[in-house]
Amino acid sequence: PQMKYRDRAAERREKQGGPDPPEPKRRKFGGPPAAHGDAEGPPLGCRMLQAMGWKEGSGLGRRRAEVTVGTPG
């Protein structure tokens, strides 16, 4: 005789009722990536820098004056 698989977890969920599905995780820096200049806003890298306190026109680096020119792209 061949053994048939018994899904005990499914039986338990039917009997006791399963938990509510978890809420979807929130993205820290927004939704899907946007192309530069889209109506959705700046690209992900720019949003990440802004979330860390960077402001447009200020530089990057330890003294915030080391790199002030953006990369082409």
PDB file of N, CA and C in Angstrom:
ATOM      1  N   PRO A   1       0.827  -1.185   0.000  1.00  0.00           N
ATOM      2  CA  PRO A   1       0.000   0.000   0.000  1.00  0.00           C
ATOM      3  C   PRO A   1       0.870   1.247   0.000  1.00  0.00           C
ATOM      4  N   GLN A   2       0.447   2.238  -0.791  1.00  0.00           N
ATOM      5  CA  GLN A   2       1.206   3.471  -0.929  1.00  0.00           C
ATOM      6  C   GLN A   2       0.648   4.537   0.031  1.00  0.00           C
ATOM      7  N   MET A   3       1.543   5.238   0.712  1.00  0.00           N
ATOM      8  CA  MET A   3       1.136   6.277   1.658  1.00  0.00           C
ATOM      9  C   MET A   3       0.750   7.548   0.896  1.00  0.00           C
ATOM     10  N   LYS A   4      -0.326   8.182   1.319  1.00  0.00           N
ATOM     11  CA  LYS A   4      -0.752   9.425   0.707  1.00  0.00           C
ATOM     12  C   LYS A   4      -0.354  10.569   1.636  1.00  0.00           C
ATOM     13  N   TYR A   5       0.139  11.658   1.055  1.00  0.00           N
ATOM     14  CA  TYR A   5       0.566  12.814   1.839  1.00  0.00           C
ATOM     15  C   TYR A   5      -0.642  13.458   2.515  1.00  0.00           C
ATOM     16  N   ARG A   6      -0.475  13.747   3.787  1.00  0.00           N
ATOM     17  CA  ARG A   6      -1.533  14.385   4.554  1.00  0.00           C
ATOM     18  C   ARG A   6      -1.046  15.768   4.988  1.00  0.00           C
ATOM     19  N   ASP A   7      -1.661  16.786   4.469  1.00  0.00           N
ATOM     20  CA  ASP A   7      -1.262  18.161   4.773  1.00  0.00           C
ATOM     21  C   ASP A   7      -1.901  18.592   6.086  1.00  0.00           C
ATOM     22  N   ARG A   8      -1.185  18.350   7.168  1.00  0.00           N
ATOM     23  CA  ARG A   8      -1.728  18.634   8.499  1.00  0.00           C
ATOM     24  C   ARG A   8      -1.830  20.136   8.756  1.00  0.00           C
ATOM     25  N   ALA A   9      -0.941  20.893   8.164  1.00  0.00           N
ATOM     26  CA  ALA A   9      -1.005  22.341   8.359  1.00  0.00           C
ATOM     27  C   ALA A   9      -2.281  22.897   7.727  1.00  0.00           C
ATOM     28  N   ALA A  10      -2.643  22.405   6.543  1.00  0.00           N
ATOM     29  CA  ALA A  10      -3.880  22.858   5.895  1.00  0.00           C
ATOM     30  C   ALA A  10      -5.096  22.440   6.711  1.00  0.00           C
ATOM     31  N   GLU A  11      -5.066  21.247   7.274  1.00  0.00           N
ATOM     32  CA  GLU A  11      -6.179  20.788   8.120  1.00  0.00           C
ATOM     33  C   GLU A  11      -6.324  21.683   9.347  1.00  0.00           C
ATOM     34  N   ARG A  12      -5.193  22.050   9.948  1.00  0.00           N
ATOM     35  CA  ARG A  12      -5.221  22.902  11.136  1.00  0.00           C
ATOM     36  C   ARG A  12      -5.757  24.293  10.793  1.00  0.00           C
ATOM     37  N   ARG A  13      -5.344  24.853   9.635  1.00  0.00           N
ATOM     38  CA  ARG A  13      -5.846  26.159   9.226  1.00  0.00           C
ATOM     39  C   ARG A  13      -7.342  26.136   8.997  1.00  0.00           C
ATOM     40  N   GLU A  14      -7.855  25.053   8.404  1.00  0.00           N
ATOM     41  CA  GLU A  14      -9.295  24.939   8.179  1.00  0.00           C
ATOM     42  C   GLU A  14     -10.050  24.833   9.501  1.00  0.00           C
ATOM     43  N   LYS A  15      -9.499  24.085  10.429  1.00  0.00           N
ATOM     44  CA  LYS A  15     -10.171  23.849  11.701  1.00  0.00           C
ATOM     45  C   LYS A  15     -10.135  25.091  12.598  1.00  0.00           C
ATOM     46  N   GLN A  16      -8.959  25.693  12.747  1.00  0.00           N
ATOM     47  CA  GLN A  16      -8.789  26.801  13.680  1.00  0.00           C
ATOM     48  C   GLN A  16      -8.904  28.167  13.008  1.00  0.00           C
ATOM     49  N   GLY A  17      -8.863  28.215  11.734  1.00  0.00           N
ATOM     50  CA  GLY A  17      -8.853  29.492  11.036  1.00  0.00           C
ATOM     51  C   GLY A  17      -7.446  30.050  11.002  1.00  0.00           C
ATOM     52  N   GLY A  18      -6.999  30.399   9.827  1.00  0.00           N
ATOM     53  CA  GLY A  18      -5.635  30.880   9.680  1.00  0.00           C
ATOM     54  C   GLY A  18      -5.504  32.326  10.094  1.00  0.00           C
ATOM     55  N   PRO A  19      -4.295  32.733  10.373  1.00  0.00           N
ATOM     56  CA  PRO A  19      -4.064  34.137  10.729  1.00  0.00           C
ATOM     57  C   PRO A  19      -4.266  35.033   9.510  1.00  0.00           C
ATOM     58  N   ASP A  20      -4.535  36.313   9.773  1.00  0.00           N
ATOM     59  CA  ASP A  20      -4.665  37.263   8.677  1.00  0.00           C
ATOM     60  C   ASP A  20      -3.332  37.375   7.955  1.00  0.00           C
ATOM     61  N   PRO A  21      -3.364  37.589   6.643  1.00  0.00           N
ATOM     62  CA  PRO A  21      -2.092  37.723   5.924  1.00  0.00           C
ATOM     63  C   PRO A  21      -1.343  38.966   6.408  1.00  0.00           C
ATOM     64  N   PRO A  22      -0.021  38.913   6.432  1.00  0.00           N
ATOM     65  CA  PRO A  22       0.743  40.055   6.927  1.00  0.00           C
ATOM     66  C   PRO A  22       0.602  41.252   5.994  1.00  0.00           C
ATOM     67  N   GLU A  23       0.750  42.450   6.566  1.00  0.00           N
ATOM     68  CA  GLU A  23       0.689  43.668   5.766  1.00  0.00           C
ATOM     69  C   GLU A  23       1.933  43.725   4.884  1.00  0.00           C
ATOM     70  N   PRO A  24       1.801  44.240   3.668  1.00  0.00           N
ATOM     71  CA  PRO A  24       2.988  44.347   2.818  1.00  0.00           C
ATOM     72  C   PRO A  24       3.996  45.308   3.435  1.00  0.00           C
ATOM     73  N   LYS A  25       5.271  44.994   3.258  1.00  0.00           N
ATOM     74  CA  LYS A  25       6.322  45.826   3.829  1.00  0.00           C
ATOM     75  C   LYS A  25       6.389  47.149   3.080  1.00  0.00           C
ATOM     76  N   ARG A  26       6.663  48.209   3.826  1.00  0.00           N
ATOM     77  CA  ARG A  26       6.792  49.527   3.223  1.00  0.00           C
ATOM     78  C   ARG A  26       8.211  49.701   2.728  1.00  0.00           C
ATOM     79  N   ARG A  27       8.332  50.334   1.580  1.00  0.00           N
ATOM     80  CA  ARG A  27       9.652  50.637   1.060  1.00  0.00           C
ATOM     81  C   ARG A  27      10.144  51.910   1.709  1.00  0.00           C
ATOM     82  N   LYS A  28      11.380  51.912   2.111  1.00  0.00           N
ATOM     83  CA  LYS A  28      11.926  53.040   2.840  1.00  0.00           C
ATOM     84  C   LYS A  28      12.056  54.285   1.964  1.00  0.00           C
ATOM     85  N   PHE A  29      12.390  54.109   0.707  1.00  0.00           N
ATOM     86  CA  PHE A  29      12.661  55.248  -0.153  1.00  0.00           C
ATOM     87  C   PHE A  29      11.676  55.374  -1.303  1.00  0.00           C
ATOM     88  N   GLY A  30      10.500  54.829  -1.202  1.00  0.00           N
ATOM     89  CA  GLY A  30       9.496  55.041  -2.231  1.00  0.00           C
ATOM     90  C   GLY A  30       9.256  53.821  -3.089  1.00  0.00           C
ATOM     91  N   GLY A  31       8.526  54.024  -4.136  1.00  0.00           N
ATOM     92  CA  GLY A  31       8.067  52.960  -5.005  1.00  0.00           C
ATOM     93  C   GLY A  31       9.076  52.530  -6.051  1.00  0.00           C
ATOM     94  N   PRO A  32       8.577  52.153  -7.218  1.00  0.00           N
ATOM     95  CA  PRO A  32       9.455  51.645  -8.275  1.00  0.00           C
ATOM     96  C   PRO A  32      10.396  52.737  -8.772  1.00  0.00           C
ATOM     97  N   PRO A  33      11.523  52.343  -9.349  1.00  0.00           N
ATOM     98  CA  PRO A  33      12.474  53.339  -9.827  1.00  0.00           C
ATOM     99  C   PRO A  33      11.864  54.197 -10.926  1.00  0.00           C
ATOM    100  N   ALA A  34      12.142  55.477 -10.884  1.00  0.00           N
ATOM    101  CA  ALA A  34      11.619  56.406 -11.874  1.00  0.00           C
ATOM    102  C   ALA A  34      12.763  56.909 -12.737  1.00  0.00           C
ATOM    103  N   ALA A  35      12.487  57.157 -14.000  1.00  0.00           N
ATOM    104  CA  ALA A  35      13.491  57.726 -14.880  1.00  0.00           C
ATOM    105  C   ALA A  35      13.700  59.186 -14.495  1.00  0.00           C
ATOM    106  N   HIS A  36      14.889  59.707 -14.723  1.00  0.00           N
ATOM    107  CA  HIS A  36      15.195  61.083 -14.344  1.00  0.00           C
ATOM    108  C   HIS A  36      14.266  62.039 -15.079  1.00  0.00           C
ATOM    109  N   GLY A  37      13.638  62.924 -14.359  1.00  0.00           N
ATOM    110  CA  GLY A  37      12.746  63.898 -14.972  1.00  0.00           C
ATOM    111  C   GLY A  37      11.303  63.426 -15.058  1.00  0.00           C
ATOM    112  N   ASP A  38      10.996  62.252 -14.557  1.00  0.00           N
ATOM    113  CA  ASP A  38       9.620  61.763 -14.570  1.00  0.00           C
ATOM    114  C   ASP A  38       8.762  62.580 -13.613  1.00  0.00           C
ATOM    115  N   ALA A  39       7.461  62.491 -13.788  1.00  0.00           N
ATOM    116  CA  ALA A  39       6.530  63.180 -12.904  1.00  0.00           C
ATOM    117  C   ALA A  39       6.535  62.541 -11.517  1.00  0.00           C
ATOM    118  N   GLU A  40       7.046  61.307 -11.399  1.00  0.00           N
ATOM    119  CA  GLU A  40       7.053  60.594 -10.125  1.00  0.00           C
ATOM    120  C   GLU A  40       8.100  61.154  -9.169  1.00  0.00           C
ATOM    121  N   GLY A  41       9.058  61.905  -9.654  1.00  0.00           N
ATOM    122  CA  GLY A  41      10.062  62.488  -8.778  1.00  0.00           C
ATOM    123  C   GLY A  41      11.462  62.073  -9.163  1.00  0.00           C
ATOM    124  N   PRO A  42      12.407  62.424  -8.311  1.00  0.00           N
ATOM    125  CA  PRO A  42      13.809  62.138  -8.618  1.00  0.00           C
ATOM    126  C   PRO A  42      14.124  60.642  -8.516  1.00  0.00           C
ATOM    127  N   PRO A  43      15.243  60.236  -9.099  1.00  0.00           N
ATOM    128  CA  PRO A  43      15.645  58.822  -9.040  1.00  0.00           C
ATOM    129  C   PRO A  43      15.922  58.357  -7.610  1.00  0.00           C
ATOM    130  N   LEU A  44      16.038  57.076  -7.447  1.00  0.00           N
ATOM    131  CA  LEU A  44      16.210  56.458  -6.133  1.00  0.00           C
ATOM    132  C   LEU A  44      17.429  56.991  -5.402  1.00  0.00           C
ATOM    133  N   GLY A  45      18.557  57.107  -6.073  1.00  0.00           N
ATOM    134  CA  GLY A  45      19.771  57.583  -5.410  1.00  0.00           C
ATOM    135  C   GLY A  45      19.594  58.975  -4.829  1.00  0.00           C
ATOM    136  N   CYS A  46      18.926  59.831  -5.573  1.00  0.00           N
ATOM    137  CA  CYS A  46      18.670  61.189  -5.104  1.00  0.00           C
ATOM    138  C   CYS A  46      17.732  61.171  -3.899  1.00  0.00           C
ATOM    139  N   ARG A  47      16.712  60.342  -3.941  1.00  0.00           N
ATOM    140  CA  ARG A  47      15.778  60.241  -2.807  1.00  0.00           C
ATOM    141  C   ARG A  47      16.493  59.718  -1.562  1.00  0.00           C
ATOM    142  N   MET A  48      17.420  58.769  -1.762  1.00  0.00           N
ATOM    143  CA  MET A  48      18.165  58.230  -0.623  1.00  0.00           C
ATOM    144  C   MET A  48      19.040  59.307   0.007  1.00  0.00           C
ATOM    145  N   LEU A  49      19.732  60.094  -0.832  1.00  0.00           N
ATOM    146  CA  LEU A  49      20.571  61.159  -0.305  1.00  0.00           C
ATOM    147  C   LEU A  49      19.729  62.191   0.440  1.00  0.00           C
ATOM    148  N   GLN A  50      18.568  62.537  -0.110  1.00  0.00           N
ATOM    149  CA  GLN A  50      17.695  63.503   0.546  1.00  0.00           C
ATOM    150  C   GLN A  50      17.193  62.973   1.883  1.00  0.00           C
ATOM    151  N   ALA A  51      16.946  61.680   1.962  1.00  0.00           N
ATOM    152  CA  ALA A  51      16.498  61.084   3.221  1.00  0.00           C
ATOM    153  C   ALA A  51      17.592  61.155   4.285  1.00  0.00           C
ATOM    154  N   MET A  52      18.856  61.226   3.848  1.00  0.00           N
ATOM    155  CA  MET A  52      19.967  61.312   4.798  1.00  0.00           C
ATOM    156  C   MET A  52      20.375  62.751   5.074  1.00  0.00           C
ATOM    157  N   GLY A  53      19.594  63.713   4.544  1.00  0.00           N
ATOM    158  CA  GLY A  53      19.852  65.102   4.864  1.00  0.00           C
ATOM    159  C   GLY A  53      20.552  65.911   3.789  1.00  0.00           C
ATOM    160  N   TRP A  54      20.878  65.329   2.660  1.00  0.00           N
ATOM    161  CA  TRP A  54      21.542  66.051   1.589  1.00  0.00           C
ATOM    162  C   TRP A  54      20.561  67.014   0.932  1.00  0.00           C
ATOM    163  N   LYS A  55      21.057  68.194   0.539  1.00  0.00           N
ATOM    164  CA  LYS A  55      20.237  69.173  -0.173  1.00  0.00           C
ATOM    165  C   LYS A  55      20.894  69.490  -1.504  1.00  0.00           C
ATOM    166  N   GLU A  56      20.087  69.757  -2.518  1.00  0.00           N
ATOM    167  CA  GLU A  56      20.608  70.040  -3.851  1.00  0.00           C
ATOM    168  C   GLU A  56      21.508  71.263  -3.814  1.00  0.00           C
ATOM    169  N   GLY A  57      22.666  71.164  -4.448  1.00  0.00           N
ATOM    170  CA  GLY A  57      23.636  72.255  -4.465  1.00  0.00           C
ATOM    171  C   GLY A  57      24.745  72.073  -3.439  1.00  0.00           C
ATOM    172  N   SER A  58      24.495  71.300  -2.388  1.00  0.00           N
ATOM    173  CA  SER A  58      25.548  71.055  -1.405  1.00  0.00           C
ATOM    174  C   SER A  58      26.409  69.903  -1.886  1.00  0.00           C
ATOM    175  N   GLY A  59      27.597  69.832  -1.364  1.00  0.00           N
ATOM    176  CA  GLY A  59      28.515  68.798  -1.802  1.00  0.00           C
ATOM    177  C   GLY A  59      28.370  67.520  -1.013  1.00  0.00           C
ATOM    178  N   LEU A  60      29.116  66.532  -1.441  1.00  0.00           N
ATOM    179  CA  LEU A  60      29.162  65.259  -0.736  1.00  0.00           C
ATOM    180  C   LEU A  60      30.506  65.134  -0.043  1.00  0.00           C
ATOM    181  N   GLY A  61      30.591  64.238   0.864  1.00  0.00           N
ATOM    182  CA  GLY A  61      31.857  64.010   1.542  1.00  0.00           C
ATOM    183  C   GLY A  61      31.820  64.516   2.969  1.00  0.00           C
ATOM    184  N   ARG A  62      32.943  64.365   3.639  1.00  0.00           N
ATOM    185  CA  ARG A  62      33.014  64.683   5.055  1.00  0.00           C
ATOM    186  C   ARG A  62      32.751  66.163   5.345  1.00  0.00           C
ATOM    187  N   ARG A  63      33.289  67.050   4.497  1.00  0.00           N
ATOM    188  CA  ARG A  63      33.124  68.487   4.723  1.00  0.00           C
ATOM    189  C   ARG A  63      32.004  69.079   3.872  1.00  0.00           C
ATOM    190  N   ARG A  64      31.259  68.242   3.156  1.00  0.00           N
ATOM    191  CA  ARG A  64      30.155  68.640   2.285  1.00  0.00           C
ATOM    192  C   ARG A  64      30.562  69.653   1.218  1.00  0.00           C
ATOM    193  N   ALA A  65      31.834  69.691   0.885  1.00  0.00           N
ATOM    194  CA  ALA A  65      32.292  70.601  -0.155  1.00  0.00           C
ATOM    195  C   ALA A  65      33.207  69.900  -1.149  1.00  0.00           C
ATOM    196  N   GLU A  66      33.379  68.599  -0.994  1.00  0.00           N
ATOM    197  CA  GLU A  66      34.355  67.893  -1.803  1.00  0.00           C
ATOM    198  C   GLU A  66      33.869  67.619  -3.223  1.00  0.00           C
ATOM    199  N   VAL A  67      32.615  67.232  -3.393  1.00  0.00           N
ATOM    200  CA  VAL A  67      32.069  66.943  -4.718  1.00  0.00           C
ATOM    201  C   VAL A  67      30.793  67.753  -4.856  1.00  0.00           C
ATOM    202  N   THR A  68      30.779  68.708  -5.772  1.00  0.00           N
ATOM    203  CA  THR A  68      29.586  69.530  -5.942  1.00  0.00           C
ATOM    204  C   THR A  68      28.979  69.391  -7.333  1.00  0.00           C
ATOM    205  N   VAL A  69      29.682  68.738  -8.250  1.00  0.00           N
ATOM    206  CA  VAL A  69      29.193  68.573  -9.615  1.00  0.00           C
ATOM    207  C   VAL A  69      28.617  67.177  -9.763  1.00  0.00           C
ATOM    208  N   GLY A  70      27.404  67.081 -10.315  1.00  0.00           N
ATOM    209  CA  GLY A  70      26.777  65.775 -10.510  1.00  0.00           C
ATOM    210  C   GLY A  70      27.397  65.011 -11.657  1.00  0.00           C
ATOM    211  N   THR A  71      27.115  63.736 -11.699  1.00  0.00           N
ATOM    212  CA  THR A  71      27.617  62.912 -12.793  1.00  0.00           C
ATOM    213  C   THR A  71      26.630  62.943 -13.945  1.00  0.00           C
ATOM    214  N   PRO A  72      27.093  62.878 -15.178  1.00  0.00           N
ATOM    215  CA  PRO A  72      26.161  62.867 -16.305  1.00  0.00           C
ATOM    216  C   PRO A  72      25.405  61.561 -16.334  1.00  0.00           C
ATOM    217  N   GLY A  73      24.167  61.646 -16.716  1.00  0.00           N
ATOM    218  CA  GLY A  73      23.571  60.371 -16.782  1.00  0.00           C
ATOM    219  C   GLY A  73      22.166  60.209 -16.850  1.00  0.00           C
TER     220      GLY A  73
END
